[in-house]
Amino acid sequence: MIVDTVEVTWPSGAIQSRHNVSANQVLQIMESPQLSSLGEPGKTEIIAPSGAPYTVEASTDLNAWTVLETRTNTGPASTYIDLTAGSSPYKFYRAAYVTR
């Protein structure tokens, strides 16, 4: 048996979906790190669970992504500053958990 969609709504308001999930199993789903701009180019606040390893990545075209740093939060939030942010007219950021 396959479940069409499992949807989790996190307290932060973020929604995650998993599709075509096999029934009768335990899923471990972690809330994805959340990023928000701090109003300066390349300065981003990252909210992630303490102890969760993740990468910070950047792109100028949303197709090719470059890993800028791998880090582990020691508190509920941290600030990442991309010192090369001013070298491109557009720069996008994302954070992704490191899978073990």
PDB file of N, CA and C in Angstrom:
ATOM      1  N   MET A   1       0.845  -1.178   0.000  1.00  0.00           N
ATOM      2  CA  MET A   1       0.000   0.000   0.000  1.00  0.00           C
ATOM      3  C   MET A   1       0.893   1.245   0.000  1.00  0.00           C
ATOM      4  N   ILE A   2       0.513   2.250  -0.767  1.00  0.00           N
ATOM      5  CA  ILE A   2       1.249   3.514  -0.883  1.00  0.00           C
ATOM      6  C   ILE A   2       0.335   4.657  -0.460  1.00  0.00           C
ATOM      7  N   VAL A   3       0.862   5.549   0.368  1.00  0.00           N
ATOM      8  CA  VAL A   3       0.141   6.741   0.777  1.00  0.00           C
ATOM      9  C   VAL A   3       0.497   7.846  -0.219  1.00  0.00           C
ATOM     10  N   ASP A   4      -0.513   8.509  -0.756  1.00  0.00           N
ATOM     11  CA  ASP A   4      -0.262   9.553  -1.762  1.00  0.00           C
ATOM     12  C   ASP A   4       0.607  10.675  -1.198  1.00  0.00           C
ATOM     13  N   THR A   5       0.210  11.245  -0.051  1.00  0.00           N
ATOM     14  CA  THR A   5       0.926  12.396   0.502  1.00  0.00           C
ATOM     15  C   THR A   5       0.890  12.375   2.020  1.00  0.00           C
ATOM     16  N   VAL A   6       2.056  12.614   2.619  1.00  0.00           N
ATOM     17  CA  VAL A   6       2.165  12.870   4.052  1.00  0.00           C
ATOM     18  C   VAL A   6       2.602  14.322   4.161  1.00  0.00           C
ATOM     19  N   GLU A   7       1.820  15.133   4.875  1.00  0.00           N
ATOM     20  CA  GLU A   7       2.121  16.557   4.983  1.00  0.00           C
ATOM     21  C   GLU A   7       2.304  16.928   6.446  1.00  0.00           C
ATOM     22  N   VAL A   8       3.390  17.675   6.732  1.00  0.00           N
ATOM     23  CA  VAL A   8       3.682  18.142   8.083  1.00  0.00           C
ATOM     24  C   VAL A   8       3.654  19.662   8.059  1.00  0.00           C
ATOM     25  N   THR A   9       2.873  20.260   8.974  1.00  0.00           N
ATOM     26  CA  THR A   9       2.883  21.706   9.159  1.00  0.00           C
ATOM     27  C   THR A   9       3.618  21.979  10.461  1.00  0.00           C
ATOM     28  N   TRP A  10       4.768  22.647  10.371  1.00  0.00           N
ATOM     29  CA  TRP A  10       5.618  22.916  11.523  1.00  0.00           C
ATOM     30  C   TRP A  10       5.128  24.160  12.257  1.00  0.00           C
ATOM     31  N   PRO A  11       5.469  24.298  13.550  1.00  0.00           N
ATOM     32  CA  PRO A  11       5.078  25.496  14.310  1.00  0.00           C
ATOM     33  C   PRO A  11       5.543  26.804  13.661  1.00  0.00           C
ATOM     34  N   SER A  12       6.634  26.753  12.895  1.00  0.00           N
ATOM     35  CA  SER A  12       7.127  27.952  12.217  1.00  0.00           C
ATOM     36  C   SER A  12       6.230  28.365  11.059  1.00  0.00           C
ATOM     37  N   GLY A  13       5.309  27.457  10.664  1.00  0.00           N
ATOM     38  CA  GLY A  13       4.450  27.721   9.513  1.00  0.00           C
ATOM     39  C   GLY A  13       4.925  27.022   8.254  1.00  0.00           C
ATOM     40  N   ALA A  14       6.154  26.506   8.262  1.00  0.00           N
ATOM     41  CA  ALA A  14       6.681  25.786   7.103  1.00  0.00           C
ATOM     42  C   ALA A  14       5.884  24.496   6.906  1.00  0.00           C
ATOM     43  N   ILE A  15       5.691  24.121   5.651  1.00  0.00           N
ATOM     44  CA  ILE A  15       4.969  22.893   5.313  1.00  0.00           C
ATOM     45  C   ILE A  15       5.906  22.011   4.497  1.00  0.00           C
ATOM     46  N   GLN A  16       6.011  20.745   4.895  1.00  0.00           N
ATOM     47  CA  GLN A  16       6.803  19.768   4.155  1.00  0.00           C
ATOM     48  C   GLN A  16       5.894  18.633   3.731  1.00  0.00           C
ATOM     49  N   SER A  17       6.105  18.150   2.520  1.00  0.00           N
ATOM     50  CA  SER A  17       5.305  17.045   2.000  1.00  0.00           C
ATOM     51  C   SER A  17       6.212  15.930   1.510  1.00  0.00           C
ATOM     52  N   ARG A  18       5.775  14.709   1.717  1.00  0.00           N
ATOM     53  CA  ARG A  18       6.419  13.522   1.156  1.00  0.00           C
ATOM     54  C   ARG A  18       5.341  12.820   0.325  1.00  0.00           C
ATOM     55  N   HIS A  19       5.713  12.378  -0.859  1.00  0.00           N
ATOM     56  CA  HIS A  19       4.747  11.771  -1.762  1.00  0.00           C
ATOM     57  C   HIS A  19       5.104  10.311  -2.023  1.00  0.00           C
ATOM     58  N   ASN A  20       4.068   9.512  -2.300  1.00  0.00           N
ATOM     59  CA  ASN A  20       4.225   8.089  -2.613  1.00  0.00           C
ATOM     60  C   ASN A  20       5.017   7.360  -1.535  1.00  0.00           C
ATOM     61  N   VAL A  21       4.538   7.460  -0.304  1.00  0.00           N
ATOM     62  CA  VAL A  21       5.205   6.875   0.863  1.00  0.00           C
ATOM     63  C   VAL A  21       4.620   5.495   1.135  1.00  0.00           C
ATOM     64  N   SER A  22       5.485   4.517   1.325  1.00  0.00           N
ATOM     65  CA  SER A  22       5.026   3.173   1.673  1.00  0.00           C
ATOM     66  C   SER A  22       4.348   3.201   3.029  1.00  0.00           C
ATOM     67  N   ALA A  23       3.250   2.454   3.166  1.00  0.00           N
ATOM     68  CA  ALA A  23       2.503   2.397   4.421  1.00  0.00           C
ATOM     69  C   ALA A  23       3.245   1.524   5.436  1.00  0.00           C
ATOM     70  N   ASN A  24       2.792   1.597   6.693  1.00  0.00           N
ATOM     71  CA  ASN A  24       3.306   0.759   7.786  1.00  0.00           C
ATOM     72  C   ASN A  24       4.795   0.947   8.031  1.00  0.00           C
ATOM     73  N   GLN A  25       5.212   2.183   8.169  1.00  0.00           N
ATOM     74  CA  GLN A  25       6.602   2.472   8.497  1.00  0.00           C
ATOM     75  C   GLN A  25       6.648   3.714   9.376  1.00  0.00           C
ATOM     76  N   VAL A  26       7.773   3.889  10.045  1.00  0.00           N
ATOM     77  CA  VAL A  26       7.996   5.080  10.855  1.00  0.00           C
ATOM     78  C   VAL A  26       8.869   6.019  10.025  1.00  0.00           C
ATOM     79  N   LEU A  27       8.431   7.261   9.884  1.00  0.00           N
ATOM     80  CA  LEU A  27       9.201   8.255   9.143  1.00  0.00           C
ATOM     81  C   LEU A  27       9.865   9.217  10.118  1.00  0.00           C
ATOM     82  N   GLN A  28      11.099   9.555   9.862  1.00  0.00           N
ATOM     83  CA  GLN A  28      11.763  10.607  10.635  1.00  0.00           C
ATOM     84  C   GLN A  28      11.835  11.816   9.710  1.00  0.00           C
ATOM     85  N   ILE A  29      11.099  12.856  10.076  1.00  0.00           N
ATOM     86  CA  ILE A  29      11.055  14.070   9.264  1.00  0.00           C
ATOM     87  C   ILE A  29      11.516  15.224  10.133  1.00  0.00           C
ATOM     88  N   MET A  30      12.537  15.923   9.666  1.00  0.00           N
ATOM     89  CA  MET A  30      13.062  17.076  10.400  1.00  0.00           C
ATOM     90  C   MET A  30      12.668  18.341   9.661  1.00  0.00           C
ATOM     91  N   GLU A  31      12.355  19.373  10.416  1.00  0.00           N
ATOM     92  CA  GLU A  31      12.036  20.659   9.796  1.00  0.00           C
ATOM     93  C   GLU A  31      13.278  21.201   9.098  1.00  0.00           C
ATOM     94  N   SER A  32      13.096  21.614   7.860  1.00  0.00           N
ATOM     95  CA  SER A  32      14.210  22.176   7.103  1.00  0.00           C
ATOM     96  C   SER A  32      14.683  23.468   7.749  1.00  0.00           C
ATOM     97  N   PRO A  33      15.985  23.750   7.641  1.00  0.00           N
ATOM     98  CA  PRO A  33      16.469  25.029   8.158  1.00  0.00           C
ATOM     99  C   PRO A  33      15.736  26.181   7.472  1.00  0.00           C
ATOM    100  N   GLN A  34      15.461  27.235   8.196  1.00  0.00           N
ATOM    101  CA  GLN A  34      14.777  28.400   7.652  1.00  0.00           C
ATOM    102  C   GLN A  34      15.770  29.544   7.529  1.00  0.00           C
ATOM    103  N   LEU A  35      15.731  30.245   6.407  1.00  0.00           N
ATOM    104  CA  LEU A  35      16.607  31.381   6.186  1.00  0.00           C
ATOM    105  C   LEU A  35      15.773  32.648   6.093  1.00  0.00           C
ATOM    106  N   SER A  36      16.315  33.730   6.601  1.00  0.00           N
ATOM    107  CA  SER A  36      15.669  35.025   6.419  1.00  0.00           C
ATOM    108  C   SER A  36      16.748  36.089   6.276  1.00  0.00           C
ATOM    109  N   SER A  37      16.493  37.036   5.397  1.00  0.00           N
ATOM    110  CA  SER A  37      17.446  38.106   5.140  1.00  0.00           C
ATOM    111  C   SER A  37      17.500  39.046   6.331  1.00  0.00           C
ATOM    112  N   LEU A  38      18.678  39.538   6.629  1.00  0.00           N
ATOM    113  CA  LEU A  38      18.845  40.512   7.702  1.00  0.00           C
ATOM    114  C   LEU A  38      18.972  41.927   7.145  1.00  0.00           C
ATOM    115  N   GLY A  39      18.601  42.102   5.857  1.00  0.00           N
ATOM    116  CA  GLY A  39      18.550  43.430   5.262  1.00  0.00           C
ATOM    117  C   GLY A  39      19.856  43.944   4.680  1.00  0.00           C
ATOM    118  N   GLU A  40      20.913  43.163   4.753  1.00  0.00           N
ATOM    119  CA  GLU A  40      22.185  43.541   4.155  1.00  0.00           C
ATOM    120  C   GLU A  40      22.578  42.455   3.167  1.00  0.00           C
ATOM    121  N   PRO A  41      23.203  42.816   2.041  1.00  0.00           N
ATOM    122  CA  PRO A  41      23.602  41.800   1.061  1.00  0.00           C
ATOM    123  C   PRO A  41      24.449  40.703   1.700  1.00  0.00           C
ATOM    124  N   GLY A  42      24.039  39.458   1.486  1.00  0.00           N
ATOM    125  CA  GLY A  42      24.799  38.319   1.968  1.00  0.00           C
ATOM    126  C   GLY A  42      24.687  38.018   3.446  1.00  0.00           C
ATOM    127  N   LYS A  43      23.892  38.787   4.194  1.00  0.00           N
ATOM    128  CA  LYS A  43      23.759  38.552   5.631  1.00  0.00           C
ATOM    129  C   LYS A  43      22.418  37.863   5.871  1.00  0.00           C
ATOM    130  N   THR A  44      22.473  36.633   6.350  1.00  0.00           N
ATOM    131  CA  THR A  44      21.298  35.786   6.478  1.00  0.00           C
ATOM    132  C   THR A  44      21.223  35.176   7.869  1.00  0.00           C
ATOM    133  N   GLU A  45      20.016  35.140   8.432  1.00  0.00           N
ATOM    134  CA  GLU A  45      19.807  34.424   9.685  1.00  0.00           C
ATOM    135  C   GLU A  45      19.316  33.031   9.338  1.00  0.00           C
ATOM    136  N   ILE A  46      19.889  32.031   9.992  1.00  0.00           N
ATOM    137  CA  ILE A  46      19.516  30.643   9.763  1.00  0.00           C
ATOM    138  C   ILE A  46      18.948  30.090  11.052  1.00  0.00           C
ATOM    139  N   ILE A  47      17.730  29.586  10.979  1.00  0.00           N
ATOM    140  CA  ILE A  47      17.088  28.977  12.140  1.00  0.00           C
ATOM    141  C   ILE A  47      17.059  27.474  11.905  1.00  0.00           C
ATOM    142  N   ALA A  48      17.704  26.734  12.790  1.00  0.00           N
ATOM    143  CA  ALA A  48      17.763  25.276  12.682  1.00  0.00           C
ATOM    144  C   ALA A  48      17.920  24.712  14.082  1.00  0.00           C
ATOM    145  N   PRO A  49      17.487  23.474  14.278  1.00  0.00           N
ATOM    146  CA  PRO A  49      17.632  22.866  15.601  1.00  0.00           C
ATOM    147  C   PRO A  49      19.099  22.806  16.031  1.00  0.00           C
ATOM    148  N   SER A  50      19.345  23.004  17.309  1.00  0.00           N
ATOM    149  CA  SER A  50      20.689  22.913  17.858  1.00  0.00           C
ATOM    150  C   SER A  50      21.240  21.511  17.608  1.00  0.00           C
ATOM    151  N   GLY A  51      22.472  21.441  17.151  1.00  0.00           N
ATOM    152  CA  GLY A  51      23.117  20.155  16.899  1.00  0.00           C
ATOM    153  C   GLY A  51      22.859  19.585  15.520  1.00  0.00           C
ATOM    154  N   ALA A  52      22.042  20.253  14.696  1.00  0.00           N
ATOM    155  CA  ALA A  52      21.729  19.751  13.364  1.00  0.00           C
ATOM    156  C   ALA A  52      22.750  20.273  12.356  1.00  0.00           C
ATOM    157  N   PRO A  53      23.504  19.380  11.695  1.00  0.00           N
ATOM    158  CA  PRO A  53      24.472  19.836  10.695  1.00  0.00           C
ATOM    159  C   PRO A  53      23.770  20.194   9.382  1.00  0.00           C
ATOM    160  N   TYR A  54      24.197  21.291   8.759  1.00  0.00           N
ATOM    161  CA  TYR A  54      23.597  21.711   7.490  1.00  0.00           C
ATOM    162  C   TYR A  54      24.632  22.457   6.661  1.00  0.00           C
ATOM    163  N   THR A  55      24.359  22.570   5.371  1.00  0.00           N
ATOM    164  CA  THR A  55      25.214  23.342   4.481  1.00  0.00           C
ATOM    165  C   THR A  55      24.507  24.637   4.115  1.00  0.00           C
ATOM    166  N   VAL A  56      25.291  25.676   3.900  1.00  0.00           N
ATOM    167  CA  VAL A  56      24.794  26.932   3.352  1.00  0.00           C
ATOM    168  C   VAL A  56      25.278  26.966   1.907  1.00  0.00           C
ATOM    169  N   GLU A  57      24.340  27.160   0.979  1.00  0.00           N
ATOM    170  CA  GLU A  57      24.676  27.148  -0.445  1.00  0.00           C
ATOM    171  C   GLU A  57      24.212  28.443  -1.094  1.00  0.00           C
ATOM    172  N   ALA A  58      24.868  28.814  -2.206  1.00  0.00           N
ATOM    173  CA  ALA A  58      24.502  30.031  -2.925  1.00  0.00           C
ATOM    174  C   ALA A  58      24.448  29.755  -4.420  1.00  0.00           C
ATOM    175  N   SER A  59      23.641  30.570  -5.101  1.00  0.00           N
ATOM    176  CA  SER A  59      23.496  30.461  -6.550  1.00  0.00           C
ATOM    177  C   SER A  59      23.217  31.841  -7.126  1.00  0.00           C
ATOM    178  N   THR A  60      23.635  32.056  -8.352  1.00  0.00           N
ATOM    179  CA  THR A  60      23.294  33.296  -9.039  1.00  0.00           C
ATOM    180  C   THR A  60      22.183  33.081 -10.062  1.00  0.00           C
ATOM    181  N   ASP A  61      21.804  31.798 -10.310  1.00  0.00           N
ATOM    182  CA  ASP A  61      20.787  31.515 -11.324  1.00  0.00           C
ATOM    183  C   ASP A  61      19.743  30.482 -10.895  1.00  0.00           C
ATOM    184  N   LEU A  62      19.782  30.028  -9.670  1.00  0.00           N
ATOM    185  CA  LEU A  62      18.874  29.013  -9.104  1.00  0.00           C
ATOM    186  C   LEU A  62      19.012  27.638  -9.758  1.00  0.00           C
ATOM    187  N   ASN A  63      20.035  27.454 -10.597  1.00  0.00           N
ATOM    188  CA  ASN A  63      20.285  26.141 -11.206  1.00  0.00           C
ATOM    189  C   ASN A  63      21.542  25.504 -10.644  1.00  0.00           C
ATOM    190  N   ALA A  64      22.637  26.236 -10.661  1.00  0.00           N
ATOM    191  CA  ALA A  64      23.908  25.735 -10.135  1.00  0.00           C
ATOM    192  C   ALA A  64      24.108  26.284  -8.731  1.00  0.00           C
ATOM    193  N   TRP A  65      24.350  25.381  -7.771  1.00  0.00           N
ATOM    194  CA  TRP A  65      24.521  25.769  -6.371  1.00  0.00           C
ATOM    195  C   TRP A  65      25.935  25.448  -5.918  1.00  0.00           C
ATOM    196  N   THR A  66      26.515  26.347  -5.128  1.00  0.00           N
ATOM    197  CA  THR A  66      27.855  26.183  -4.574  1.00  0.00           C
ATOM    198  C   THR A  66      27.747  26.121  -3.053  1.00  0.00           C
ATOM    199  N   VAL A  67      28.378  25.113  -2.455  1.00  0.00           N
ATOM    200  CA  VAL A  67      28.403  25.016  -0.996  1.00  0.00           C
ATOM    201  C   VAL A  67      29.372  26.071  -0.475  1.00  0.00           C
ATOM    202  N   LEU A  68      28.875  26.960   0.375  1.00  0.00           N
ATOM    203  CA  LEU A  68      29.706  28.003   0.962  1.00  0.00           C
ATOM    204  C   LEU A  68      30.309  27.562   2.282  1.00  0.00           C
ATOM    205  N   GLU A  69      29.530  26.778   3.036  1.00  0.00           N
ATOM    206  CA  GLU A  69      29.999  26.365   4.366  1.00  0.00           C
ATOM    207  C   GLU A  69      29.129  25.227   4.869  1.00  0.00           C
ATOM    208  N   THR A  70      29.739  24.350   5.654  1.00  0.00           N
ATOM    209  CA  THR A  70      28.993  23.335   6.396  1.00  0.00           C
ATOM    210  C   THR A  70      29.162  23.692   7.860  1.00  0.00           C
ATOM    211  N   ARG A  71      28.050  23.733   8.584  1.00  0.00           N
ATOM    212  CA  ARG A  71      28.126  24.133   9.992  1.00  0.00           C
ATOM    213  C   ARG A  71      27.084  23.378  10.797  1.00  0.00           C
ATOM    214  N   THR A  72      27.185  23.495  12.120  1.00  0.00           N
ATOM    215  CA  THR A  72      26.224  22.911  13.046  1.00  0.00           C
ATOM    216  C   THR A  72      25.783  24.004  14.004  1.00  0.00           C
ATOM    217  N   ASN A  73      24.479  24.223  14.088  1.00  0.00           N
ATOM    218  CA  ASN A  73      23.969  25.239  15.009  1.00  0.00           C
ATOM    219  C   ASN A  73      24.250  24.828  16.446  1.00  0.00           C
ATOM    220  N   THR A  74      24.639  25.797  17.257  1.00  0.00           N
ATOM    221  CA  THR A  74      24.824  25.543  18.679  1.00  0.00           C
ATOM    222  C   THR A  74      23.697  26.183  19.485  1.00  0.00           C
ATOM    223  N   GLY A  75      22.822  26.884  18.826  1.00  0.00           N
ATOM    224  CA  GLY A  75      21.667  27.516  19.459  1.00  0.00           C
ATOM    225  C   GLY A  75      20.505  27.497  18.480  1.00  0.00           C
ATOM    226  N   PRO A  76      19.442  28.212  18.762  1.00  0.00           N
ATOM    227  CA  PRO A  76      18.280  28.181  17.880  1.00  0.00           C
ATOM    228  C   PRO A  76      18.496  28.906  16.552  1.00  0.00           C
ATOM    229  N   ALA A  77      19.453  29.827  16.502  1.00  0.00           N
ATOM    230  CA  ALA A  77      19.686  30.578  15.267  1.00  0.00           C
ATOM    231  C   ALA A  77      21.138  31.010  15.187  1.00  0.00           C
ATOM    232  N   SER A  78      21.592  31.227  13.956  1.00  0.00           N
ATOM    233  CA  SER A  78      22.932  31.755  13.742  1.00  0.00           C
ATOM    234  C   SER A  78      22.884  32.696  12.550  1.00  0.00           C
ATOM    235  N   THR A  79      23.903  33.484  12.395  1.00  0.00           N
ATOM    236  CA  THR A  79      23.983  34.418  11.280  1.00  0.00           C
ATOM    237  C   THR A  79      25.099  33.982  10.355  1.00  0.00           C
ATOM    238  N   TYR A  80      24.808  33.974   9.049  1.00  0.00           N
ATOM    239  CA  TYR A  80      25.824  33.665   8.051  1.00  0.00           C
ATOM    240  C   TYR A  80      26.060  34.919   7.222  1.00  0.00           C
ATOM    241  N   ILE A  81      27.323  35.280   7.026  1.00  0.00           N
ATOM    242  CA  ILE A  81      27.669  36.435   6.204  1.00  0.00           C
ATOM    243  C   ILE A  81      28.514  35.949   5.035  1.00  0.00           C
ATOM    244  N   ASP A  82      28.021  36.179   3.810  1.00  0.00           N
ATOM    245  CA  ASP A  82      28.735  35.820   2.590  1.00  0.00           C
ATOM    246  C   ASP A  82      29.562  37.029   2.178  1.00  0.00           C
ATOM    247  N   LEU A  83      30.871  36.938   2.359  1.00  0.00           N
ATOM    248  CA  LEU A  83      31.753  38.064   2.063  1.00  0.00           C
ATOM    249  C   LEU A  83      31.874  38.342   0.566  1.00  0.00           C
ATOM    250  N   THR A  84      31.415  37.397  -0.284  1.00  0.00           N
ATOM    251  CA  THR A  84      31.468  37.600  -1.735  1.00  0.00           C
ATOM    252  C   THR A  84      30.119  38.042  -2.298  1.00  0.00           C
ATOM    253  N   ALA A  85      29.173  38.377  -1.454  1.00  0.00           N
ATOM    254  CA  ALA A  85      27.810  38.702  -1.905  1.00  0.00           C
ATOM    255  C   ALA A  85      27.761  39.864  -2.875  1.00  0.00           C
ATOM    256  N   GLY A  86      28.602  40.839  -2.717  1.00  0.00           N
ATOM    257  CA  GLY A  86      28.569  42.016  -3.576  1.00  0.00           C
ATOM    258  C   GLY A  86      29.134  41.790  -4.966  1.00  0.00           C
ATOM    259  N   SER A  87      29.710  40.620  -5.245  1.00  0.00           N
ATOM    260  CA  SER A  87      30.337  40.363  -6.535  1.00  0.00           C
ATOM    261  C   SER A  87      29.351  39.974  -7.630  1.00  0.00           C
ATOM    262  N   SER A  88      28.082  39.817  -7.303  1.00  0.00           N
ATOM    263  CA  SER A  88      27.068  39.423  -8.275  1.00  0.00           C
ATOM    264  C   SER A  88      25.821  40.274  -8.071  1.00  0.00           C
ATOM    265  N   PRO A  89      25.147  40.662  -9.181  1.00  0.00           N
ATOM    266  CA  PRO A  89      23.943  41.482  -9.006  1.00  0.00           C
ATOM    267  C   PRO A  89      22.802  40.736  -8.299  1.00  0.00           C
ATOM    268  N   TYR A  90      22.748  39.408  -8.455  1.00  0.00           N
ATOM    269  CA  TYR A  90      21.724  38.588  -7.798  1.00  0.00           C
ATOM    270  C   TYR A  90      22.404  37.399  -7.150  1.00  0.00           C
ATOM    271  N   LYS A  91      22.013  37.097  -5.927  1.00  0.00           N
ATOM    272  CA  LYS A  91      22.544  35.924  -5.241  1.00  0.00           C
ATOM    273  C   LYS A  91      21.438  35.337  -4.385  1.00  0.00           C
ATOM    274  N   PHE A  92      21.245  34.036  -4.510  1.00  0.00           N
ATOM    275  CA  PHE A  92      20.215  33.321  -3.778  1.00  0.00           C
ATOM    276  C   PHE A  92      20.893  32.356  -2.817  1.00  0.00           C
ATOM    277  N   TYR A  93      20.240  32.097  -1.682  1.00  0.00           N
ATOM    278  CA  TYR A  93      20.814  31.228  -0.660  1.00  0.00           C
ATOM    279  C   TYR A  93      19.815  30.143  -0.278  1.00  0.00           C
ATOM    280  N   ARG A  94      20.356  29.020   0.138  1.00  0.00           N
ATOM    281  CA  ARG A  94      19.528  27.956   0.708  1.00  0.00           C
ATOM    282  C   ARG A  94      20.366  27.202   1.728  1.00  0.00           C
ATOM    283  N   ALA A  95      19.678  26.525   2.624  1.00  0.00           N
ATOM    284  CA  ALA A  95      20.338  25.678   3.618  1.00  0.00           C
ATOM    285  C   ALA A  95      19.727  24.293   3.495  1.00  0.00           C
ATOM    286  N   ALA A  96      20.549  23.278   3.654  1.00  0.00           N
ATOM    287  CA  ALA A  96      20.069  21.904   3.559  1.00  0.00           C
ATOM    288  C   ALA A  96      20.757  21.065   4.629  1.00  0.00           C
ATOM    289  N   TYR A  97      19.990  20.188   5.250  1.00  0.00           N
ATOM    290  CA  TYR A  97      20.577  19.310   6.256  1.00  0.00           C
ATOM    291  C   TYR A  97      21.582  18.365   5.601  1.00  0.00           C
ATOM    292  N   VAL A  98      22.636  18.067   6.322  1.00  0.00           N
ATOM    293  CA  VAL A  98      23.611  17.095   5.894  1.00  0.00           C
ATOM    294  C   VAL A  98      23.074  15.734   6.300  1.00  0.00           C
ATOM    295  N   THR A  99      22.913  14.844   5.336  1.00  0.00           N
ATOM    296  CA  THR A  99      22.421  13.503   5.653  1.00  0.00           C
ATOM    297  C   THR A  99      23.586  12.632   6.062  1.00  0.00           C
ATOM    298  N   ARG A 100      23.334  11.810   7.050  1.00  0.00           N
ATOM    299  CA  ARG A 100      24.407  10.950   7.579  1.00  0.00           C
ATOM    300  C   ARG A 100      24.296   9.568   7.008  1.00  0.00           C
TER     301      ARG A 100
END
